[in-house]
Amino acid sequence: MVKFALFVILEAKPGQEAAVEAFLRDSRPIVQNEPGTVAWFGLRMGPSTFGIFDAFPDEAGRQAHLSGRVAAALTERAPELFASAPRIEKLDVLAAKLP
């Protein structure tokens, strides 16, 4: 059962929308190797607004993800790709349905 989640809102710099989309698509295989990440979604919410939603069974899984390869790449590429710093929201999952 998942109990914890992250919701990250990303606003692409003008002209960087395709690069942000590629970044999210390229991150999927990396996240698949994180045993504590139960669900992960790269999202497009508008023309230049993107997001990441991921879920974890425990706080350790969430913290491992926050210190993992995708988070490091996100931090490294933020000045190049994003109009503002990524907004990271830590969430508690109240109910879920997963395969």
N, C-alpha and C. Protein backbone atom coordinates (compact mmCIF):
# COMPACT_ATOMS: atom_id res chain seq x y z
N MET A 1 0.83 -1.18 0.00
CA MET A 1 0.00 0.00 0.00
C MET A 1 0.88 1.25 0.00
N VAL A 2 0.48 2.23 -0.78
CA VAL A 2 1.22 3.49 -0.79
C VAL A 2 0.66 4.42 0.28
N LYS A 3 1.56 5.10 0.94
CA LYS A 3 1.16 6.02 2.00
C LYS A 3 1.69 7.43 1.76
N PHE A 4 2.70 7.55 0.93
CA PHE A 4 3.35 8.83 0.72
C PHE A 4 3.47 9.10 -0.78
N ALA A 5 3.53 10.39 -1.15
CA ALA A 5 3.65 10.75 -2.56
C ALA A 5 4.39 12.07 -2.69
N LEU A 6 4.76 12.35 -3.91
CA LEU A 6 5.32 13.65 -4.29
C LEU A 6 4.56 14.15 -5.50
N PHE A 7 4.32 15.44 -5.54
CA PHE A 7 3.76 16.09 -6.71
C PHE A 7 4.68 17.26 -7.02
N VAL A 8 5.29 17.22 -8.19
CA VAL A 8 6.26 18.24 -8.59
C VAL A 8 5.69 18.99 -9.78
N ILE A 9 5.66 20.31 -9.69
CA ILE A 9 5.17 21.15 -10.78
C ILE A 9 6.38 21.82 -11.43
N LEU A 10 6.43 21.70 -12.75
CA LEU A 10 7.56 22.20 -13.53
C LEU A 10 7.05 23.16 -14.60
N GLU A 11 7.59 24.35 -14.65
CA GLU A 11 7.20 25.33 -15.67
C GLU A 11 8.40 25.50 -16.61
N ALA A 12 8.22 25.05 -17.86
CA ALA A 12 9.31 25.10 -18.84
C ALA A 12 9.59 26.53 -19.26
N LYS A 13 10.88 26.82 -19.50
CA LYS A 13 11.25 28.09 -20.10
C LYS A 13 10.70 28.11 -21.52
N PRO A 14 10.40 29.29 -22.05
CA PRO A 14 9.95 29.36 -23.44
C PRO A 14 10.98 28.69 -24.37
N GLY A 15 10.48 27.83 -25.23
CA GLY A 15 11.35 27.12 -26.16
C GLY A 15 11.94 25.83 -25.62
N GLN A 16 11.75 25.54 -24.34
CA GLN A 16 12.32 24.33 -23.73
C GLN A 16 11.27 23.23 -23.49
N GLU A 17 10.06 23.43 -23.99
CA GLU A 17 8.99 22.47 -23.75
C GLU A 17 9.35 21.06 -24.24
N ALA A 18 9.89 20.96 -25.43
CA ALA A 18 10.25 19.64 -25.97
C ALA A 18 11.37 19.00 -25.15
N ALA A 19 12.29 19.80 -24.66
CA ALA A 19 13.38 19.28 -23.84
C ALA A 19 12.87 18.77 -22.49
N VAL A 20 11.89 19.46 -21.91
CA VAL A 20 11.30 19.00 -20.64
C VAL A 20 10.55 17.69 -20.88
N GLU A 21 9.79 17.62 -21.96
CA GLU A 21 9.08 16.39 -22.29
C GLU A 21 10.06 15.23 -22.46
N ALA A 22 11.16 15.46 -23.17
CA ALA A 22 12.17 14.42 -23.37
C ALA A 22 12.81 14.02 -22.03
N PHE A 23 13.06 15.00 -21.17
CA PHE A 23 13.63 14.71 -19.86
C PHE A 23 12.72 13.76 -19.08
N LEU A 24 11.41 14.04 -19.09
CA LEU A 24 10.48 13.18 -18.36
C LEU A 24 10.42 11.78 -18.97
N ARG A 25 10.36 11.70 -20.28
CA ARG A 25 10.34 10.38 -20.94
C ARG A 25 11.62 9.60 -20.64
N ASP A 26 12.75 10.28 -20.66
CA ASP A 26 14.04 9.61 -20.42
C ASP A 26 14.22 9.21 -18.96
N SER A 27 13.45 9.81 -18.06
CA SER A 27 13.57 9.50 -16.63
C SER A 27 12.87 8.19 -16.26
N ARG A 28 11.92 7.76 -17.05
CA ARG A 28 11.13 6.57 -16.72
C ARG A 28 11.99 5.33 -16.47
N PRO A 29 12.94 4.98 -17.35
CA PRO A 29 13.74 3.78 -17.09
C PRO A 29 14.56 3.87 -15.80
N ILE A 30 14.98 5.06 -15.44
CA ILE A 30 15.75 5.23 -14.21
C ILE A 30 14.88 4.94 -13.00
N VAL A 31 13.67 5.49 -13.01
CA VAL A 31 12.75 5.32 -11.89
C VAL A 31 12.31 3.85 -11.76
N GLN A 32 12.25 3.15 -12.87
CA GLN A 32 11.85 1.73 -12.81
C GLN A 32 12.80 0.92 -11.95
N ASN A 33 14.02 1.38 -11.78
CA ASN A 33 15.01 0.67 -10.97
C ASN A 33 14.99 1.08 -9.50
N GLU A 34 14.05 1.90 -9.11
CA GLU A 34 13.93 2.32 -7.71
C GLU A 34 12.90 1.43 -7.01
N PRO A 35 13.33 0.52 -6.18
CA PRO A 35 12.37 -0.41 -5.57
C PRO A 35 11.35 0.26 -4.66
N GLY A 36 11.66 1.41 -4.10
CA GLY A 36 10.74 2.09 -3.21
C GLY A 36 9.76 3.01 -3.91
N THR A 37 9.86 3.14 -5.24
CA THR A 37 8.93 3.96 -6.00
C THR A 37 7.89 3.04 -6.62
N VAL A 38 6.68 3.06 -6.05
CA VAL A 38 5.61 2.16 -6.47
C VAL A 38 4.95 2.64 -7.76
N ALA A 39 4.75 3.94 -7.88
CA ALA A 39 4.12 4.52 -9.06
C ALA A 39 4.84 5.81 -9.41
N TRP A 40 4.98 6.07 -10.70
CA TRP A 40 5.64 7.29 -11.17
C TRP A 40 4.98 7.72 -12.47
N PHE A 41 4.64 8.99 -12.56
CA PHE A 41 4.01 9.54 -13.75
C PHE A 41 4.69 10.84 -14.14
N GLY A 42 5.11 10.96 -15.39
CA GLY A 42 5.55 12.22 -15.96
C GLY A 42 4.34 12.81 -16.67
N LEU A 43 4.01 14.06 -16.39
CA LEU A 43 2.75 14.66 -16.84
C LEU A 43 2.97 15.94 -17.64
N ARG A 44 2.08 16.18 -18.57
CA ARG A 44 1.99 17.49 -19.22
C ARG A 44 0.64 18.06 -18.84
N MET A 45 0.64 19.23 -18.21
CA MET A 45 -0.59 19.80 -17.69
C MET A 45 -1.05 21.00 -18.51
N GLY A 46 -0.22 21.46 -19.42
CA GLY A 46 -0.55 22.60 -20.28
C GLY A 46 0.58 22.80 -21.26
N PRO A 47 0.52 23.84 -22.07
CA PRO A 47 1.56 24.05 -23.10
C PRO A 47 2.98 24.09 -22.55
N SER A 48 3.17 24.69 -21.38
CA SER A 48 4.52 24.79 -20.82
C SER A 48 4.59 24.28 -19.38
N THR A 49 3.50 23.72 -18.89
CA THR A 49 3.46 23.24 -17.51
C THR A 49 3.48 21.72 -17.49
N PHE A 50 4.42 21.19 -16.73
CA PHE A 50 4.62 19.75 -16.62
C PHE A 50 4.58 19.36 -15.15
N GLY A 51 4.53 18.08 -14.90
CA GLY A 51 4.53 17.62 -13.53
C GLY A 51 5.04 16.21 -13.40
N ILE A 52 5.32 15.84 -12.18
CA ILE A 52 5.70 14.48 -11.82
C ILE A 52 4.86 14.11 -10.61
N PHE A 53 4.25 12.94 -10.67
CA PHE A 53 3.56 12.40 -9.51
C PHE A 53 4.14 11.02 -9.25
N ASP A 54 4.56 10.78 -8.02
CA ASP A 54 5.07 9.46 -7.67
C ASP A 54 4.60 9.09 -6.28
N ALA A 55 4.53 7.77 -6.04
CA ALA A 55 3.99 7.26 -4.78
C ALA A 55 4.92 6.21 -4.18
N PHE A 56 4.88 6.13 -2.85
CA PHE A 56 5.82 5.30 -2.10
C PHE A 56 5.11 4.62 -0.94
N PRO A 57 5.58 3.43 -0.54
CA PRO A 57 4.96 2.74 0.59
C PRO A 57 5.38 3.33 1.94
N ASP A 58 6.53 4.01 1.96
CA ASP A 58 7.04 4.53 3.22
C ASP A 58 7.90 5.77 2.97
N GLU A 59 8.24 6.45 4.04
CA GLU A 59 9.04 7.66 3.94
C GLU A 59 10.44 7.36 3.42
N ALA A 60 10.97 6.20 3.74
CA ALA A 60 12.30 5.82 3.26
C ALA A 60 12.34 5.77 1.73
N GLY A 61 11.29 5.23 1.12
CA GLY A 61 11.21 5.18 -0.33
C GLY A 61 11.15 6.57 -0.94
N ARG A 62 10.37 7.44 -0.30
CA ARG A 62 10.27 8.82 -0.80
C ARG A 62 11.60 9.52 -0.68
N GLN A 63 12.28 9.36 0.44
CA GLN A 63 13.57 10.01 0.62
C GLN A 63 14.63 9.46 -0.34
N ALA A 64 14.58 8.15 -0.59
CA ALA A 64 15.52 7.55 -1.54
C ALA A 64 15.30 8.15 -2.93
N HIS A 65 14.05 8.34 -3.30
CA HIS A 65 13.76 8.93 -4.60
C HIS A 65 14.24 10.38 -4.66
N LEU A 66 14.02 11.13 -3.60
CA LEU A 66 14.45 12.53 -3.57
C LEU A 66 15.96 12.69 -3.63
N SER A 67 16.69 11.65 -3.26
CA SER A 67 18.15 11.73 -3.35
C SER A 67 18.69 10.85 -4.48
N GLY A 68 17.81 10.43 -5.39
CA GLY A 68 18.19 9.55 -6.49
C GLY A 68 18.65 10.29 -7.73
N ARG A 69 18.83 9.52 -8.79
CA ARG A 69 19.39 10.02 -10.04
C ARG A 69 18.48 11.03 -10.75
N VAL A 70 17.17 10.78 -10.75
CA VAL A 70 16.27 11.71 -11.44
C VAL A 70 16.24 13.05 -10.71
N ALA A 71 16.17 13.02 -9.40
CA ALA A 71 16.17 14.27 -8.63
C ALA A 71 17.47 15.04 -8.86
N ALA A 72 18.59 14.34 -8.91
CA ALA A 72 19.87 15.00 -9.15
C ALA A 72 19.90 15.64 -10.54
N ALA A 73 19.40 14.92 -11.54
CA ALA A 73 19.37 15.46 -12.91
C ALA A 73 18.41 16.64 -13.00
N LEU A 74 17.29 16.56 -12.30
CA LEU A 74 16.33 17.66 -12.28
C LEU A 74 16.97 18.92 -11.70
N THR A 75 17.68 18.77 -10.61
CA THR A 75 18.36 19.90 -9.98
C THR A 75 19.44 20.46 -10.90
N GLU A 76 20.20 19.58 -11.52
CA GLU A 76 21.30 20.00 -12.39
C GLU A 76 20.79 20.76 -13.62
N ARG A 77 19.70 20.30 -14.19
CA ARG A 77 19.19 20.90 -15.43
C ARG A 77 18.16 22.00 -15.21
N ALA A 78 17.78 22.25 -13.97
CA ALA A 78 16.74 23.24 -13.68
C ALA A 78 17.04 24.61 -14.29
N PRO A 79 18.24 25.16 -14.16
CA PRO A 79 18.48 26.50 -14.73
C PRO A 79 18.30 26.54 -16.25
N GLU A 80 18.60 25.45 -16.90
CA GLU A 80 18.50 25.37 -18.36
C GLU A 80 17.04 25.19 -18.82
N LEU A 81 16.27 24.38 -18.10
CA LEU A 81 14.96 23.96 -18.57
C LEU A 81 13.78 24.73 -18.01
N PHE A 82 13.88 25.25 -16.78
CA PHE A 82 12.70 25.73 -16.10
C PHE A 82 12.71 27.23 -15.84
N ALA A 83 11.51 27.83 -15.96
CA ALA A 83 11.36 29.27 -15.74
C ALA A 83 11.45 29.63 -14.27
N SER A 84 11.16 28.67 -13.40
CA SER A 84 11.26 28.86 -11.96
C SER A 84 11.67 27.53 -11.34
N ALA A 85 12.06 27.57 -10.09
CA ALA A 85 12.46 26.34 -9.41
C ALA A 85 11.30 25.35 -9.38
N PRO A 86 11.57 24.07 -9.57
CA PRO A 86 10.51 23.07 -9.45
C PRO A 86 9.83 23.18 -8.08
N ARG A 87 8.51 23.09 -8.08
CA ARG A 87 7.74 23.15 -6.83
C ARG A 87 7.45 21.71 -6.40
N ILE A 88 8.01 21.32 -5.28
CA ILE A 88 7.89 19.94 -4.79
C ILE A 88 6.96 19.92 -3.59
N GLU A 89 5.87 19.19 -3.73
CA GLU A 89 4.89 19.04 -2.65
C GLU A 89 4.96 17.61 -2.12
N LYS A 90 5.14 17.47 -0.82
CA LYS A 90 5.09 16.16 -0.18
C LYS A 90 3.65 15.91 0.25
N LEU A 91 3.12 14.76 -0.16
CA LEU A 91 1.72 14.44 0.09
C LEU A 91 1.58 13.16 0.91
N ASP A 92 0.48 13.07 1.64
CA ASP A 92 0.07 11.82 2.29
C ASP A 92 -1.03 11.22 1.43
N VAL A 93 -0.92 9.95 1.11
CA VAL A 93 -1.93 9.27 0.31
C VAL A 93 -3.00 8.72 1.26
N LEU A 94 -4.23 9.11 1.02
CA LEU A 94 -5.34 8.67 1.84
C LEU A 94 -6.01 7.40 1.30
N ALA A 95 -6.02 7.25 -0.02
CA ALA A 95 -6.60 6.07 -0.64
C ALA A 95 -5.95 5.91 -2.02
N ALA A 96 -5.84 4.67 -2.48
CA ALA A 96 -5.21 4.42 -3.78
C ALA A 96 -5.75 3.14 -4.38
N LYS A 97 -5.68 3.05 -5.71
CA LYS A 97 -5.95 1.82 -6.43
C LYS A 97 -4.81 1.65 -7.42
N LEU A 98 -4.06 0.61 -7.25
CA LEU A 98 -2.95 0.31 -8.13
C LEU A 98 -3.12 -1.11 -8.67
N PRO A 99 -2.49 -1.40 -9.82
CA PRO A 99 -2.60 -2.77 -10.35
C PRO A 99 -1.99 -3.80 -9.40
